[in-house]
Amino acid sequence: MFVAAAILVVAAAGCVPKAENEVVVYSALDREFAAPILGAFHRANDGQITPVPKYDVESTKTIGLVNRLIAEADAPQCDVFWNNEILHTVRLQKMGLLEPHDWQVGENWPPSMQASDGTWCGFAARGRVLLVNTQLLPDPEQWPQTVAELADPKWQDRCALARPLFGTTATHAAVLDVALGAEQAETFFRAVADNATVLSGNKQVALAVASGQVAWGLTDTDDAIIEKDDGMPVEIVFPDQQPGQPGCLRIPNTVAVLKNAPHPEAARRLVDYLMSSQTEDRLAMGISSQIPVSQDAKVRPHVLPESPVRWMEVDFEAAAERWEQLAPRLEEIFAGELEF
């Protein structure tokens, strides 16, 4: 009778909960940066919770993991999504695929770095910067100072950006679409497509600047600082810092727990660990020199200039809502423009 009753209890409750001794992580952050932190989490939990990561590959630019999460929505395999940008995290939020969480980040955390419904949180950002070749442009007075200069005819074929359909460049385009309005933004994008060299990614932009293929380009701080640290003739400009200009855009890593995650308790413990100032310090110390959001972080990444940076005020959720309409326009505007 006891065994039969136990069977009935299990049947009534559904399947037996899975052991919380692992946590499945889909990570768009490169393995070389994410793996040591996941290993540290494993050690911090006395080896009782093992992260099981699946990493993005360069060819899919985060989209592959996002599409997999969407495909698995009815039977989630992933517990935690660690994205190295934000646009597609917000898309998952809008689809209802993320679980709200009580983020322990304090009152001073920027509102733009938190989901309105508590489903994701941002940390460890990269700045969208201008990388300048100092051999081609030896006079700092001649260096570009704004993102808008990508459309300036004086830089015809001498500046570069990544095709704005993936990664941080896509996020940047969506932010501009909100900030400028759809009509003005489209005029700007068309001018950029006619004026600038369009490359396959931000790393390719940084390499093109470092090699002198172009005089300057729009890229991310992590790609820019690698070229500078390698001794290439480049300098980094944090754009749009003057009064009346919008400020430099920073795009954070984001982390979220999946709705109906197989290991919810382990997932919550991992995201709390990732959101700690110690994690931001580790990412700031690394070669990617990521920029902490927490005021408790102790490491100042060496990519930052001596003077304070004024950051752009952003509504990432509004930008993500525009993406479905914006993406086909960008595809048409930048069709045939891609160079490698």
C-alpha atoms as a PDB file:
ATOM      1  CA  MET A   1       0.000   0.000   0.000  1.00  0.00           C
ATOM      2  CA  PHE A   2       2.841   2.404   0.870  1.00  0.00           C
ATOM      3  CA  VAL A   3       4.545   1.879  -2.509  1.00  0.00           C
ATOM      4  CA  ALA A   4       1.253   2.332  -4.367  1.00  0.00           C
ATOM      5  CA  ALA A   5       0.551   5.544  -2.449  1.00  0.00           C
ATOM      6  CA  ALA A   6       4.031   6.848  -3.271  1.00  0.00           C
ATOM      7  CA  ILE A   7       3.470   6.144  -6.947  1.00  0.00           C
ATOM      8  CA  LEU A   8       0.172   8.027  -6.813  1.00  0.00           C
ATOM      9  CA  VAL A   9       1.859  11.030  -5.152  1.00  0.00           C
ATOM     10  CA  VAL A  10       4.579  11.149  -7.832  1.00  0.00           C
ATOM     11  CA  ALA A  11       1.994  10.809 -10.591  1.00  0.00           C
ATOM     12  CA  ALA A  12      -0.094  13.625  -9.130  1.00  0.00           C
ATOM     13  CA  ALA A  13       2.905  15.917  -8.893  1.00  0.00           C
ATOM     14  CA  GLY A  14       4.157  15.130 -12.390  1.00  0.00           C
ATOM     15  CA  CYS A  15       7.673  13.950 -13.098  1.00  0.00           C
ATOM     16  CA  VAL A  16      10.255  13.858 -10.335  1.00  0.00           C
ATOM     17  CA  PRO A  17      12.230  17.148 -10.231  1.00  0.00           C
ATOM     18  CA  LYS A  18      15.643  16.929 -11.796  1.00  0.00           C
ATOM     19  CA  ALA A  19      18.659  17.119  -9.520  1.00  0.00           C
ATOM     20  CA  GLU A  20      20.051  20.644  -9.206  1.00  0.00           C
ATOM     21  CA  ASN A  21      23.659  19.498  -9.548  1.00  0.00           C
ATOM     22  CA  GLU A  22      24.111  21.136 -12.950  1.00  0.00           C
ATOM     23  CA  VAL A  23      23.060  24.295 -14.752  1.00  0.00           C
ATOM     24  CA  VAL A  24      22.886  24.545 -18.543  1.00  0.00           C
ATOM     25  CA  VAL A  25      24.232  27.832 -19.898  1.00  0.00           C
ATOM     26  CA  TYR A  26      23.932  29.132 -23.446  1.00  0.00           C
ATOM     27  CA  SER A  27      26.720  31.683 -23.721  1.00  0.00           C
ATOM     28  CA  ALA A  28      27.179  34.188 -26.543  1.00  0.00           C
ATOM     29  CA  LEU A  29      30.227  35.515 -24.701  1.00  0.00           C
ATOM     30  CA  ASP A  30      33.364  33.898 -26.102  1.00  0.00           C
ATOM     31  CA  ARG A  31      34.512  30.717 -24.406  1.00  0.00           C
ATOM     32  CA  GLU A  32      37.877  32.224 -23.435  1.00  0.00           C
ATOM     33  CA  PHE A  33      36.124  34.843 -21.291  1.00  0.00           C
ATOM     34  CA  ALA A  34      33.103  32.901 -20.020  1.00  0.00           C
ATOM     35  CA  ALA A  35      34.705  29.539 -19.179  1.00  0.00           C
ATOM     36  CA  PRO A  36      36.990  30.795 -16.355  1.00  0.00           C
ATOM     37  CA  ILE A  37      34.057  32.539 -14.679  1.00  0.00           C
ATOM     38  CA  LEU A  38      31.822  29.481 -14.949  1.00  0.00           C
ATOM     39  CA  GLY A  39      34.673  27.443 -13.498  1.00  0.00           C
ATOM     40  CA  ALA A  40      34.951  29.889 -10.595  1.00  0.00           C
ATOM     41  CA  PHE A  41      31.210  29.509  -9.951  1.00  0.00           C
ATOM     42  CA  HIS A  42      31.660  25.729  -9.838  1.00  0.00           C
ATOM     43  CA  ARG A  43      34.428  26.100  -7.232  1.00  0.00           C
ATOM     44  CA  ALA A  44      32.456  28.683  -5.234  1.00  0.00           C
ATOM     45  CA  ASN A  45      29.703  26.079  -4.824  1.00  0.00           C
ATOM     46  CA  ASP A  46      32.155  23.417  -3.615  1.00  0.00           C
ATOM     47  CA  GLY A  47      31.775  21.599  -6.911  1.00  0.00           C
ATOM     48  CA  GLN A  48      28.132  20.790  -6.194  1.00  0.00           C
ATOM     49  CA  ILE A  49      26.749  22.679  -9.222  1.00  0.00           C
ATOM     50  CA  THR A  50      28.426  22.028 -12.559  1.00  0.00           C
ATOM     51  CA  PRO A  51      27.878  24.541 -15.378  1.00  0.00           C
ATOM     52  CA  VAL A  52      27.179  22.837 -18.699  1.00  0.00           C
ATOM     53  CA  PRO A  53      27.887  25.524 -21.307  1.00  0.00           C
ATOM     54  CA  LYS A  54      27.054  25.754 -24.984  1.00  0.00           C
ATOM     55  CA  TYR A  55      28.912  28.552 -26.712  1.00  0.00           C
ATOM     56  CA  ASP A  56      28.012  30.692 -29.676  1.00  0.00           C
ATOM     57  CA  VAL A  57      30.126  30.468 -32.799  1.00  0.00           C
ATOM     58  CA  GLU A  58      31.372  33.465 -34.777  1.00  0.00           C
ATOM     59  CA  SER A  59      29.436  32.560 -37.887  1.00  0.00           C
ATOM     60  CA  THR A  60      26.031  32.855 -36.202  1.00  0.00           C
ATOM     61  CA  LYS A  61      26.692  36.078 -34.252  1.00  0.00           C
ATOM     62  CA  THR A  62      24.417  35.155 -31.289  1.00  0.00           C
ATOM     63  CA  ILE A  63      21.446  34.523 -33.586  1.00  0.00           C
ATOM     64  CA  GLY A  64      22.082  30.769 -33.536  1.00  0.00           C
ATOM     65  CA  LEU A  65      21.649  30.523 -29.765  1.00  0.00           C
ATOM     66  CA  VAL A  66      18.599  32.794 -29.802  1.00  0.00           C
ATOM     67  CA  ASN A  67      16.948  30.721 -32.524  1.00  0.00           C
ATOM     68  CA  ARG A  68      17.702  27.574 -30.549  1.00  0.00           C
ATOM     69  CA  LEU A  69      16.078  29.037 -27.440  1.00  0.00           C
ATOM     70  CA  ILE A  70      13.001  29.947 -29.476  1.00  0.00           C
ATOM     71  CA  ALA A  71      12.858  26.455 -30.988  1.00  0.00           C
ATOM     72  CA  GLU A  72      13.111  24.886 -27.523  1.00  0.00           C
ATOM     73  CA  ALA A  73      10.446  27.129 -25.977  1.00  0.00           C
ATOM     74  CA  ASP A  74       7.965  24.299 -25.400  1.00  0.00           C
ATOM     75  CA  ALA A  75      10.595  22.037 -23.840  1.00  0.00           C
ATOM     76  CA  PRO A  76      13.458  24.219 -22.539  1.00  0.00           C
ATOM     77  CA  GLN A  77      16.913  22.642 -22.388  1.00  0.00           C
ATOM     78  CA  CYS A  78      18.684  25.799 -21.229  1.00  0.00           C
ATOM     79  CA  ASP A  79      18.636  27.293 -17.732  1.00  0.00           C
ATOM     80  CA  VAL A  80      20.586  30.526 -18.199  1.00  0.00           C
ATOM     81  CA  PHE A  81      21.171  32.669 -21.277  1.00  0.00           C
ATOM     82  CA  TRP A  82      24.367  34.730 -21.062  1.00  0.00           C
ATOM     83  CA  ASN A  83      24.311  37.134 -23.977  1.00  0.00           C
ATOM     84  CA  ASN A  84      27.225  39.395 -24.893  1.00  0.00           C
ATOM     85  CA  GLU A  85      24.783  42.075 -26.049  1.00  0.00           C
ATOM     86  CA  ILE A  86      21.187  43.020 -25.316  1.00  0.00           C
ATOM     87  CA  LEU A  87      18.913  43.370 -28.365  1.00  0.00           C
ATOM     88  CA  HIS A  88      18.074  39.690 -28.740  1.00  0.00           C
ATOM     89  CA  THR A  89      17.740  39.201 -24.980  1.00  0.00           C
ATOM     90  CA  VAL A  90      14.959  41.783 -25.056  1.00  0.00           C
ATOM     91  CA  ARG A  91      13.405  39.965 -28.020  1.00  0.00           C
ATOM     92  CA  LEU A  92      13.238  36.810 -25.868  1.00  0.00           C
ATOM     93  CA  GLN A  93      11.693  38.895 -23.084  1.00  0.00           C
ATOM     94  CA  LYS A  94       8.977  40.158 -25.455  1.00  0.00           C
ATOM     95  CA  MET A  95       8.250  36.561 -26.505  1.00  0.00           C
ATOM     96  CA  GLY A  96       7.636  35.604 -22.871  1.00  0.00           C
ATOM     97  CA  LEU A  97      10.530  33.125 -22.754  1.00  0.00           C
ATOM     98  CA  LEU A  98      12.320  34.557 -19.711  1.00  0.00           C
ATOM     99  CA  GLU A  99      11.583  34.194 -16.005  1.00  0.00           C
ATOM    100  CA  PRO A 100      11.461  37.243 -13.677  1.00  0.00           C
ATOM    101  CA  HIS A 101      14.200  37.303 -11.056  1.00  0.00           C
ATOM    102  CA  ASP A 102      14.930  39.391  -7.959  1.00  0.00           C
ATOM    103  CA  TRP A 103      18.187  41.007  -9.111  1.00  0.00           C
ATOM    104  CA  GLN A 104      20.435  42.000  -6.225  1.00  0.00           C
ATOM    105  CA  VAL A 105      21.965  45.064  -7.888  1.00  0.00           C
ATOM    106  CA  GLY A 106      21.075  48.001  -5.641  1.00  0.00           C
ATOM    107  CA  GLU A 107      19.286  51.273  -6.262  1.00  0.00           C
ATOM    108  CA  ASN A 108      22.055  52.858  -8.341  1.00  0.00           C
ATOM    109  CA  TRP A 109      21.950  50.313 -11.152  1.00  0.00           C
ATOM    110  CA  PRO A 110      21.121  52.168 -14.408  1.00  0.00           C
ATOM    111  CA  PRO A 111      17.468  51.705 -15.398  1.00  0.00           C
ATOM    112  CA  SER A 112      18.550  50.958 -18.976  1.00  0.00           C
ATOM    113  CA  MET A 113      20.450  47.925 -17.658  1.00  0.00           C
ATOM    114  CA  GLN A 114      17.366  46.295 -16.081  1.00  0.00           C
ATOM    115  CA  ALA A 115      14.286  44.750 -17.661  1.00  0.00           C
ATOM    116  CA  SER A 116      11.041  46.523 -16.857  1.00  0.00           C
ATOM    117  CA  ASP A 117       9.579  43.148 -15.821  1.00  0.00           C
ATOM    118  CA  GLY A 118      12.688  41.850 -14.041  1.00  0.00           C
ATOM    119  CA  THR A 119      13.464  39.157 -16.620  1.00  0.00           C
ATOM    120  CA  TRP A 120      17.031  40.213 -17.465  1.00  0.00           C
ATOM    121  CA  CYS A 121      19.805  42.387 -16.160  1.00  0.00           C
ATOM    122  CA  GLY A 122      22.826  43.993 -17.815  1.00  0.00           C
ATOM    123  CA  PHE A 123      26.441  44.080 -16.630  1.00  0.00           C
ATOM    124  CA  ALA A 124      30.030  44.336 -17.938  1.00  0.00           C
ATOM    125  CA  ALA A 125      29.505  46.614 -20.915  1.00  0.00           C
ATOM    126  CA  ARG A 126      31.399  47.391 -24.100  1.00  0.00           C
ATOM    127  CA  GLY A 127      31.509  50.903 -25.494  1.00  0.00           C
ATOM    128  CA  ARG A 128      30.807  51.752 -29.134  1.00  0.00           C
ATOM    129  CA  VAL A 129      33.915  53.725 -30.047  1.00  0.00           C
ATOM    130  CA  LEU A 130      35.805  55.206 -32.967  1.00  0.00           C
ATOM    131  CA  LEU A 131      39.191  53.592 -33.646  1.00  0.00           C
ATOM    132  CA  VAL A 132      41.612  55.902 -35.480  1.00  0.00           C
ATOM    133  CA  ASN A 133      44.772  55.033 -37.429  1.00  0.00           C
ATOM    134  CA  THR A 134      47.348  57.532 -36.148  1.00  0.00           C
ATOM    135  CA  GLN A 135      49.636  57.138 -39.153  1.00  0.00           C
ATOM    136  CA  LEU A 136      46.900  58.135 -41.573  1.00  0.00           C
ATOM    137  CA  LEU A 137      45.533  60.755 -39.155  1.00  0.00           C
ATOM    138  CA  PRO A 138      48.513  61.941 -37.101  1.00  0.00           C
ATOM    139  CA  ASP A 139      46.865  65.185 -35.906  1.00  0.00           C
ATOM    140  CA  PRO A 140      44.319  64.557 -33.104  1.00  0.00           C
ATOM    141  CA  GLU A 141      42.554  67.751 -34.135  1.00  0.00           C
ATOM    142  CA  GLN A 142      41.568  65.959 -37.346  1.00  0.00           C
ATOM    143  CA  TRP A 143      40.171  62.853 -35.675  1.00  0.00           C
ATOM    144  CA  PRO A 144      36.437  62.135 -35.968  1.00  0.00           C
ATOM    145  CA  GLN A 145      34.475  62.837 -32.814  1.00  0.00           C
ATOM    146  CA  THR A 146      30.937  61.657 -33.581  1.00  0.00           C
ATOM    147  CA  VAL A 147      29.206  58.571 -34.933  1.00  0.00           C
ATOM    148  CA  ALA A 148      27.391  60.888 -37.351  1.00  0.00           C
ATOM    149  CA  GLU A 149      30.657  61.409 -39.232  1.00  0.00           C
ATOM    150  CA  LEU A 150      30.203  57.980 -40.801  1.00  0.00           C
ATOM    151  CA  ALA A 151      27.884  59.823 -43.208  1.00  0.00           C
ATOM    152  CA  ASP A 152      30.168  62.831 -43.768  1.00  0.00           C
ATOM    153  CA  PRO A 153      31.369  62.972 -47.419  1.00  0.00           C
ATOM    154  CA  LYS A 154      34.806  64.151 -46.315  1.00  0.00           C
ATOM    155  CA  TRP A 155      35.367  60.579 -45.066  1.00  0.00           C
ATOM    156  CA  GLN A 156      34.150  58.911 -48.281  1.00  0.00           C
ATOM    157  CA  ASP A 157      35.645  55.381 -48.366  1.00  0.00           C
ATOM    158  CA  ARG A 158      37.998  56.271 -45.490  1.00  0.00           C
ATOM    159  CA  CYS A 159      35.801  55.063 -42.615  1.00  0.00           C
ATOM    160  CA  ALA A 160      34.231  51.704 -41.812  1.00  0.00           C
ATOM    161  CA  LEU A 161      31.577  49.936 -39.766  1.00  0.00           C
ATOM    162  CA  ALA A 162      30.261  46.406 -39.413  1.00  0.00           C
ATOM    163  CA  ARG A 163      27.132  45.483 -41.351  1.00  0.00           C
ATOM    164  CA  PRO A 164      24.336  46.479 -38.949  1.00  0.00           C
ATOM    165  CA  LEU A 165      22.376  43.234 -38.974  1.00  0.00           C
ATOM    166  CA  PHE A 166      24.133  41.347 -36.180  1.00  0.00           C
ATOM    167  CA  GLY A 167      25.605  41.838 -32.730  1.00  0.00           C
ATOM    168  CA  THR A 168      26.315  45.226 -31.224  1.00  0.00           C
ATOM    169  CA  THR A 169      26.112  47.046 -34.565  1.00  0.00           C
ATOM    170  CA  ALA A 170      22.516  45.868 -34.953  1.00  0.00           C
ATOM    171  CA  THR A 171      21.755  47.039 -31.431  1.00  0.00           C
ATOM    172  CA  HIS A 172      23.390  50.382 -32.209  1.00  0.00           C
ATOM    173  CA  ALA A 173      21.252  50.751 -35.339  1.00  0.00           C
ATOM    174  CA  ALA A 174      18.075  50.006 -33.380  1.00  0.00           C
ATOM    175  CA  VAL A 175      19.040  52.569 -30.727  1.00  0.00           C
ATOM    176  CA  LEU A 176      19.608  55.179 -33.442  1.00  0.00           C
ATOM    177  CA  ASP A 177      16.259  54.313 -35.029  1.00  0.00           C
ATOM    178  CA  VAL A 178      14.555  55.213 -31.754  1.00  0.00           C
ATOM    179  CA  ALA A 179      16.704  58.278 -31.050  1.00  0.00           C
ATOM    180  CA  LEU A 180      16.422  59.818 -34.521  1.00  0.00           C
ATOM    181  CA  GLY A 181      12.997  58.552 -35.540  1.00  0.00           C
ATOM    182  CA  ALA A 182      12.445  56.108 -38.369  1.00  0.00           C
ATOM    183  CA  GLU A 183      12.538  58.629 -41.232  1.00  0.00           C
ATOM    184  CA  GLN A 184      15.665  60.500 -40.122  1.00  0.00           C
ATOM    185  CA  ALA A 185      17.384  57.246 -39.188  1.00  0.00           C
ATOM    186  CA  GLU A 186      16.756  55.774 -42.639  1.00  0.00           C
ATOM    187  CA  THR A 187      18.238  58.872 -44.256  1.00  0.00           C
ATOM    188  CA  PHE A 188      21.310  58.473 -42.048  1.00  0.00           C
ATOM    189  CA  PHE A 189      21.688  54.755 -42.758  1.00  0.00           C
ATOM    190  CA  ARG A 190      21.496  55.334 -46.507  1.00  0.00           C
ATOM    191  CA  ALA A 191      24.142  58.048 -46.285  1.00  0.00           C
ATOM    192  CA  VAL A 192      26.386  55.727 -44.273  1.00  0.00           C
ATOM    193  CA  ALA A 193      25.934  52.897 -46.775  1.00  0.00           C
ATOM    194  CA  ASP A 194      26.986  55.246 -49.591  1.00  0.00           C
ATOM    195  CA  ASN A 195      29.892  56.752 -47.671  1.00  0.00           C
ATOM    196  CA  ALA A 196      31.546  54.087 -45.501  1.00  0.00           C
ATOM    197  CA  THR A 197      33.217  50.748 -46.078  1.00  0.00           C
ATOM    198  CA  VAL A 198      30.937  48.013 -44.711  1.00  0.00           C
ATOM    199  CA  LEU A 199      32.735  45.003 -43.246  1.00  0.00           C
ATOM    200  CA  SER A 200      31.572  41.662 -41.866  1.00  0.00           C
ATOM    201  CA  GLY A 201      32.121  42.389 -38.166  1.00  0.00           C
ATOM    202  CA  ASN A 202      33.549  44.720 -35.531  1.00  0.00           C
ATOM    203  CA  LYS A 203      36.813  42.788 -35.358  1.00  0.00           C
ATOM    204  CA  GLN A 204      37.223  43.217 -39.111  1.00  0.00           C
ATOM    205  CA  VAL A 205      36.683  46.968 -38.673  1.00  0.00           C
ATOM    206  CA  ALA A 206      39.391  47.136 -36.006  1.00  0.00           C
ATOM    207  CA  LEU A 207      41.788  45.148 -38.201  1.00  0.00           C
ATOM    208  CA  ALA A 208      41.070  47.363 -41.216  1.00  0.00           C
ATOM    209  CA  VAL A 209      41.879  50.480 -39.190  1.00  0.00           C
ATOM    210  CA  ALA A 210      45.017  48.962 -37.667  1.00  0.00           C
ATOM    211  CA  SER A 211      46.328  47.899 -41.093  1.00  0.00           C
ATOM    212  CA  GLY A 212      45.600  51.265 -42.698  1.00  0.00           C
ATOM    213  CA  GLN A 213      42.888  49.988 -45.030  1.00  0.00           C
ATOM    214  CA  VAL A 214      40.716  52.803 -43.662  1.00  0.00           C
ATOM    215  CA  ALA A 215      41.525  55.841 -41.534  1.00  0.00           C
ATOM    216  CA  TRP A 216      38.977  55.106 -38.832  1.00  0.00           C
ATOM    217  CA  GLY A 217      36.002  52.966 -37.977  1.00  0.00           C
ATOM    218  CA  LEU A 218      33.160  52.352 -35.566  1.00  0.00           C
ATOM    219  CA  THR A 219      33.752  49.271 -33.432  1.00  0.00           C
ATOM    220  CA  ASP A 220      33.556  47.925 -29.865  1.00  0.00           C
ATOM    221  CA  THR A 221      36.000  48.670 -27.071  1.00  0.00           C
ATOM    222  CA  ASP A 222      37.070  45.028 -26.797  1.00  0.00           C
ATOM    223  CA  ASP A 223      38.114  44.836 -30.455  1.00  0.00           C
ATOM    224  CA  ALA A 224      39.684  48.293 -30.331  1.00  0.00           C
ATOM    225  CA  ILE A 225      41.802  47.702 -27.218  1.00  0.00           C
ATOM    226  CA  ILE A 226      43.238  44.463 -28.592  1.00  0.00           C
ATOM    227  CA  GLU A 227      44.705  46.346 -31.566  1.00  0.00           C
ATOM    228  CA  LYS A 228      46.069  49.084 -29.316  1.00  0.00           C
ATOM    229  CA  ASP A 229      47.575  46.579 -26.885  1.00  0.00           C
ATOM    230  CA  ASP A 230      49.208  44.793 -29.818  1.00  0.00           C
ATOM    231  CA  GLY A 231      51.137  47.970 -30.558  1.00  0.00           C
ATOM    232  CA  MET A 232      49.266  48.920 -33.711  1.00  0.00           C
ATOM    233  CA  PRO A 233      49.177  52.641 -34.663  1.00  0.00           C
ATOM    234  CA  VAL A 234      45.690  53.304 -33.324  1.00  0.00           C
ATOM    235  CA  GLU A 235      43.917  55.425 -30.742  1.00  0.00           C
ATOM    236  CA  ILE A 236      40.422  55.119 -29.298  1.00  0.00           C
ATOM    237  CA  VAL A 237      37.910  57.959 -29.361  1.00  0.00           C
ATOM    238  CA  PHE A 238      34.815  57.804 -27.152  1.00  0.00           C
ATOM    239  CA  PRO A 239      32.383  59.684 -29.405  1.00  0.00           C
ATOM    240  CA  ASP A 240      29.692  62.333 -28.912  1.00  0.00           C
ATOM    241  CA  GLN A 241      31.018  63.782 -25.665  1.00  0.00           C
ATOM    242  CA  GLN A 242      30.326  67.479 -26.294  1.00  0.00           C
ATOM    243  CA  PRO A 243      27.278  69.360 -24.974  1.00  0.00           C
ATOM    244  CA  GLY A 244      24.266  68.689 -27.171  1.00  0.00           C
ATOM    245  CA  GLN A 245      25.690  65.376 -28.371  1.00  0.00           C
ATOM    246  CA  PRO A 246      24.084  62.105 -27.234  1.00  0.00           C
ATOM    247  CA  GLY A 247      27.065  60.499 -25.487  1.00  0.00           C
ATOM    248  CA  CYS A 248      28.798  57.180 -26.126  1.00  0.00           C
ATOM    249  CA  LEU A 249      26.622  54.085 -26.382  1.00  0.00           C
ATOM    250  CA  ARG A 250      27.532  51.228 -24.052  1.00  0.00           C
ATOM    251  CA  ILE A 251      26.074  47.802 -24.640  1.00  0.00           C
ATOM    252  CA  PRO A 252      26.112  45.384 -21.706  1.00  0.00           C
ATOM    253  CA  ASN A 253      26.318  41.682 -21.366  1.00  0.00           C
ATOM    254  CA  THR A 254      22.890  40.445 -20.287  1.00  0.00           C
ATOM    255  CA  VAL A 255      21.875  37.429 -18.281  1.00  0.00           C
ATOM    256  CA  ALA A 256      18.481  35.802 -17.806  1.00  0.00           C
ATOM    257  CA  VAL A 257      16.844  32.676 -16.433  1.00  0.00           C
ATOM    258  CA  LEU A 258      14.714  30.801 -18.963  1.00  0.00           C
ATOM    259  CA  LYS A 259      11.049  30.247 -18.197  1.00  0.00           C
ATOM    260  CA  ASN A 260      10.479  26.641 -17.094  1.00  0.00           C
ATOM    261  CA  ALA A 261      14.229  26.127 -16.787  1.00  0.00           C
ATOM    262  CA  PRO A 262      15.121  22.501 -15.986  1.00  0.00           C
ATOM    263  CA  HIS A 263      17.275  23.579 -13.015  1.00  0.00           C
ATOM    264  CA  PRO A 264      15.668  26.781 -11.669  1.00  0.00           C
ATOM    265  CA  GLU A 265      17.423  26.961  -8.289  1.00  0.00           C
ATOM    266  CA  ALA A 266      20.866  26.387  -9.790  1.00  0.00           C
ATOM    267  CA  ALA A 267      20.022  28.947 -12.472  1.00  0.00           C
ATOM    268  CA  ARG A 268      19.145  31.586  -9.886  1.00  0.00           C
ATOM    269  CA  ARG A 269      22.391  30.943  -8.018  1.00  0.00           C
ATOM    270  CA  LEU A 270      24.409  31.260 -11.212  1.00  0.00           C
ATOM    271  CA  VAL A 271      22.839  34.532 -12.375  1.00  0.00           C
ATOM    272  CA  ASP A 272      23.398  36.066  -8.935  1.00  0.00           C
ATOM    273  CA  TYR A 273      27.039  35.018  -9.176  1.00  0.00           C
ATOM    274  CA  LEU A 274      27.393  36.495 -12.671  1.00  0.00           C
ATOM    275  CA  MET A 275      25.891  39.801 -11.542  1.00  0.00           C
ATOM    276  CA  SER A 276      28.431  40.258  -8.748  1.00  0.00           C
ATOM    277  CA  SER A 277      31.041  43.022  -8.808  1.00  0.00           C
ATOM    278  CA  GLN A 278      33.712  40.303  -8.624  1.00  0.00           C
ATOM    279  CA  THR A 279      32.577  38.940 -11.993  1.00  0.00           C
ATOM    280  CA  GLU A 280      32.701  42.428 -13.489  1.00  0.00           C
ATOM    281  CA  ASP A 281      36.206  42.869 -12.076  1.00  0.00           C
ATOM    282  CA  ARG A 282      37.353  39.666 -13.767  1.00  0.00           C
ATOM    283  CA  LEU A 283      35.951  40.789 -17.116  1.00  0.00           C
ATOM    284  CA  ALA A 284      37.482  44.247 -16.663  1.00  0.00           C
ATOM    285  CA  MET A 285      40.930  42.736 -16.021  1.00  0.00           C
ATOM    286  CA  GLY A 286      40.799  40.507 -19.097  1.00  0.00           C
ATOM    287  CA  ILE A 287      42.067  41.359 -22.557  1.00  0.00           C
ATOM    288  CA  SER A 288      38.560  42.436 -23.592  1.00  0.00           C
ATOM    289  CA  SER A 289      38.672  45.173 -20.903  1.00  0.00           C
ATOM    290  CA  GLN A 290      34.924  45.167 -20.304  1.00  0.00           C
ATOM    291  CA  ILE A 291      33.443  48.103 -18.448  1.00  0.00           C
ATOM    292  CA  PRO A 292      31.816  47.459 -15.046  1.00  0.00           C
ATOM    293  CA  VAL A 293      28.341  48.780 -14.315  1.00  0.00           C
ATOM    294  CA  SER A 294      28.492  48.194 -10.552  1.00  0.00           C
ATOM    295  CA  GLN A 295      29.759  51.016  -8.378  1.00  0.00           C
ATOM    296  CA  ASP A 296      31.273  48.335  -6.140  1.00  0.00           C
ATOM    297  CA  ALA A 297      33.621  47.096  -8.866  1.00  0.00           C
ATOM    298  CA  LYS A 298      37.261  47.737  -7.963  1.00  0.00           C
ATOM    299  CA  VAL A 299      38.941  47.347 -11.352  1.00  0.00           C
ATOM    300  CA  ARG A 300      39.020  50.246 -13.785  1.00  0.00           C
ATOM    301  CA  PRO A 301      39.488  48.731 -17.261  1.00  0.00           C
ATOM    302  CA  HIS A 302      42.444  50.214 -19.102  1.00  0.00           C
ATOM    303  CA  VAL A 303      40.344  50.874 -22.208  1.00  0.00           C
ATOM    304  CA  LEU A 304      38.726  53.848 -20.460  1.00  0.00           C
ATOM    305  CA  PRO A 305      40.229  57.322 -20.998  1.00  0.00           C
ATOM    306  CA  GLU A 306      41.473  59.418 -18.104  1.00  0.00           C
ATOM    307  CA  SER A 307      38.496  61.768 -18.269  1.00  0.00           C
ATOM    308  CA  PRO A 308      35.023  60.468 -17.375  1.00  0.00           C
ATOM    309  CA  VAL A 309      32.909  59.151 -20.248  1.00  0.00           C
ATOM    310  CA  ARG A 310      29.393  60.482 -20.730  1.00  0.00           C
ATOM    311  CA  TRP A 311      27.189  57.533 -21.649  1.00  0.00           C
ATOM    312  CA  MET A 312      24.175  57.689 -23.933  1.00  0.00           C
ATOM    313  CA  GLU A 313      20.735  57.448 -22.319  1.00  0.00           C
ATOM    314  CA  VAL A 314      19.025  54.446 -23.911  1.00  0.00           C
ATOM    315  CA  ASP A 315      15.726  52.573 -23.835  1.00  0.00           C
ATOM    316  CA  PHE A 316      16.834  49.140 -25.044  1.00  0.00           C
ATOM    317  CA  GLU A 317      13.319  47.715 -24.829  1.00  0.00           C
ATOM    318  CA  ALA A 318      12.022  50.386 -27.199  1.00  0.00           C
ATOM    319  CA  ALA A 319      14.948  49.672 -29.533  1.00  0.00           C
ATOM    320  CA  ALA A 320      14.180  45.943 -29.559  1.00  0.00           C
ATOM    321  CA  GLU A 321      10.527  46.627 -30.359  1.00  0.00           C
ATOM    322  CA  ARG A 322      11.657  48.470 -33.496  1.00  0.00           C
ATOM    323  CA  TRP A 323      13.946  45.681 -34.674  1.00  0.00           C
ATOM    324  CA  GLU A 324      11.435  43.573 -36.597  1.00  0.00           C
ATOM    325  CA  GLN A 325      10.521  46.581 -38.749  1.00  0.00           C
ATOM    326  CA  LEU A 326      14.074  47.898 -38.936  1.00  0.00           C
ATOM    327  CA  ALA A 327      15.894  44.704 -39.954  1.00  0.00           C
ATOM    328  CA  PRO A 328      14.345  44.419 -43.465  1.00  0.00           C
ATOM    329  CA  ARG A 329      15.093  48.089 -44.109  1.00  0.00           C
ATOM    330  CA  LEU A 330      18.717  47.626 -43.106  1.00  0.00           C
ATOM    331  CA  GLU A 331      18.935  44.469 -45.240  1.00  0.00           C
ATOM    332  CA  GLU A 332      17.778  46.479 -48.248  1.00  0.00           C
ATOM    333  CA  ILE A 333      19.932  49.528 -47.518  1.00  0.00           C
ATOM    334  CA  PHE A 334      23.139  47.561 -46.958  1.00  0.00           C
ATOM    335  CA  ALA A 335      22.500  44.874 -49.601  1.00  0.00           C
ATOM    336  CA  GLY A 336      25.597  44.371 -51.718  1.00  0.00           C
ATOM    337  CA  GLU A 337      27.677  46.639 -49.489  1.00  0.00           C
ATOM    338  CA  LEU A 338      29.490  43.943 -47.536  1.00  0.00           C
ATOM    339  CA  GLU A 339      33.287  43.707 -47.829  1.00  0.00           C
ATOM    340  CA  PHE A 340      35.599  41.281 -46.038  1.00  0.00           C
END
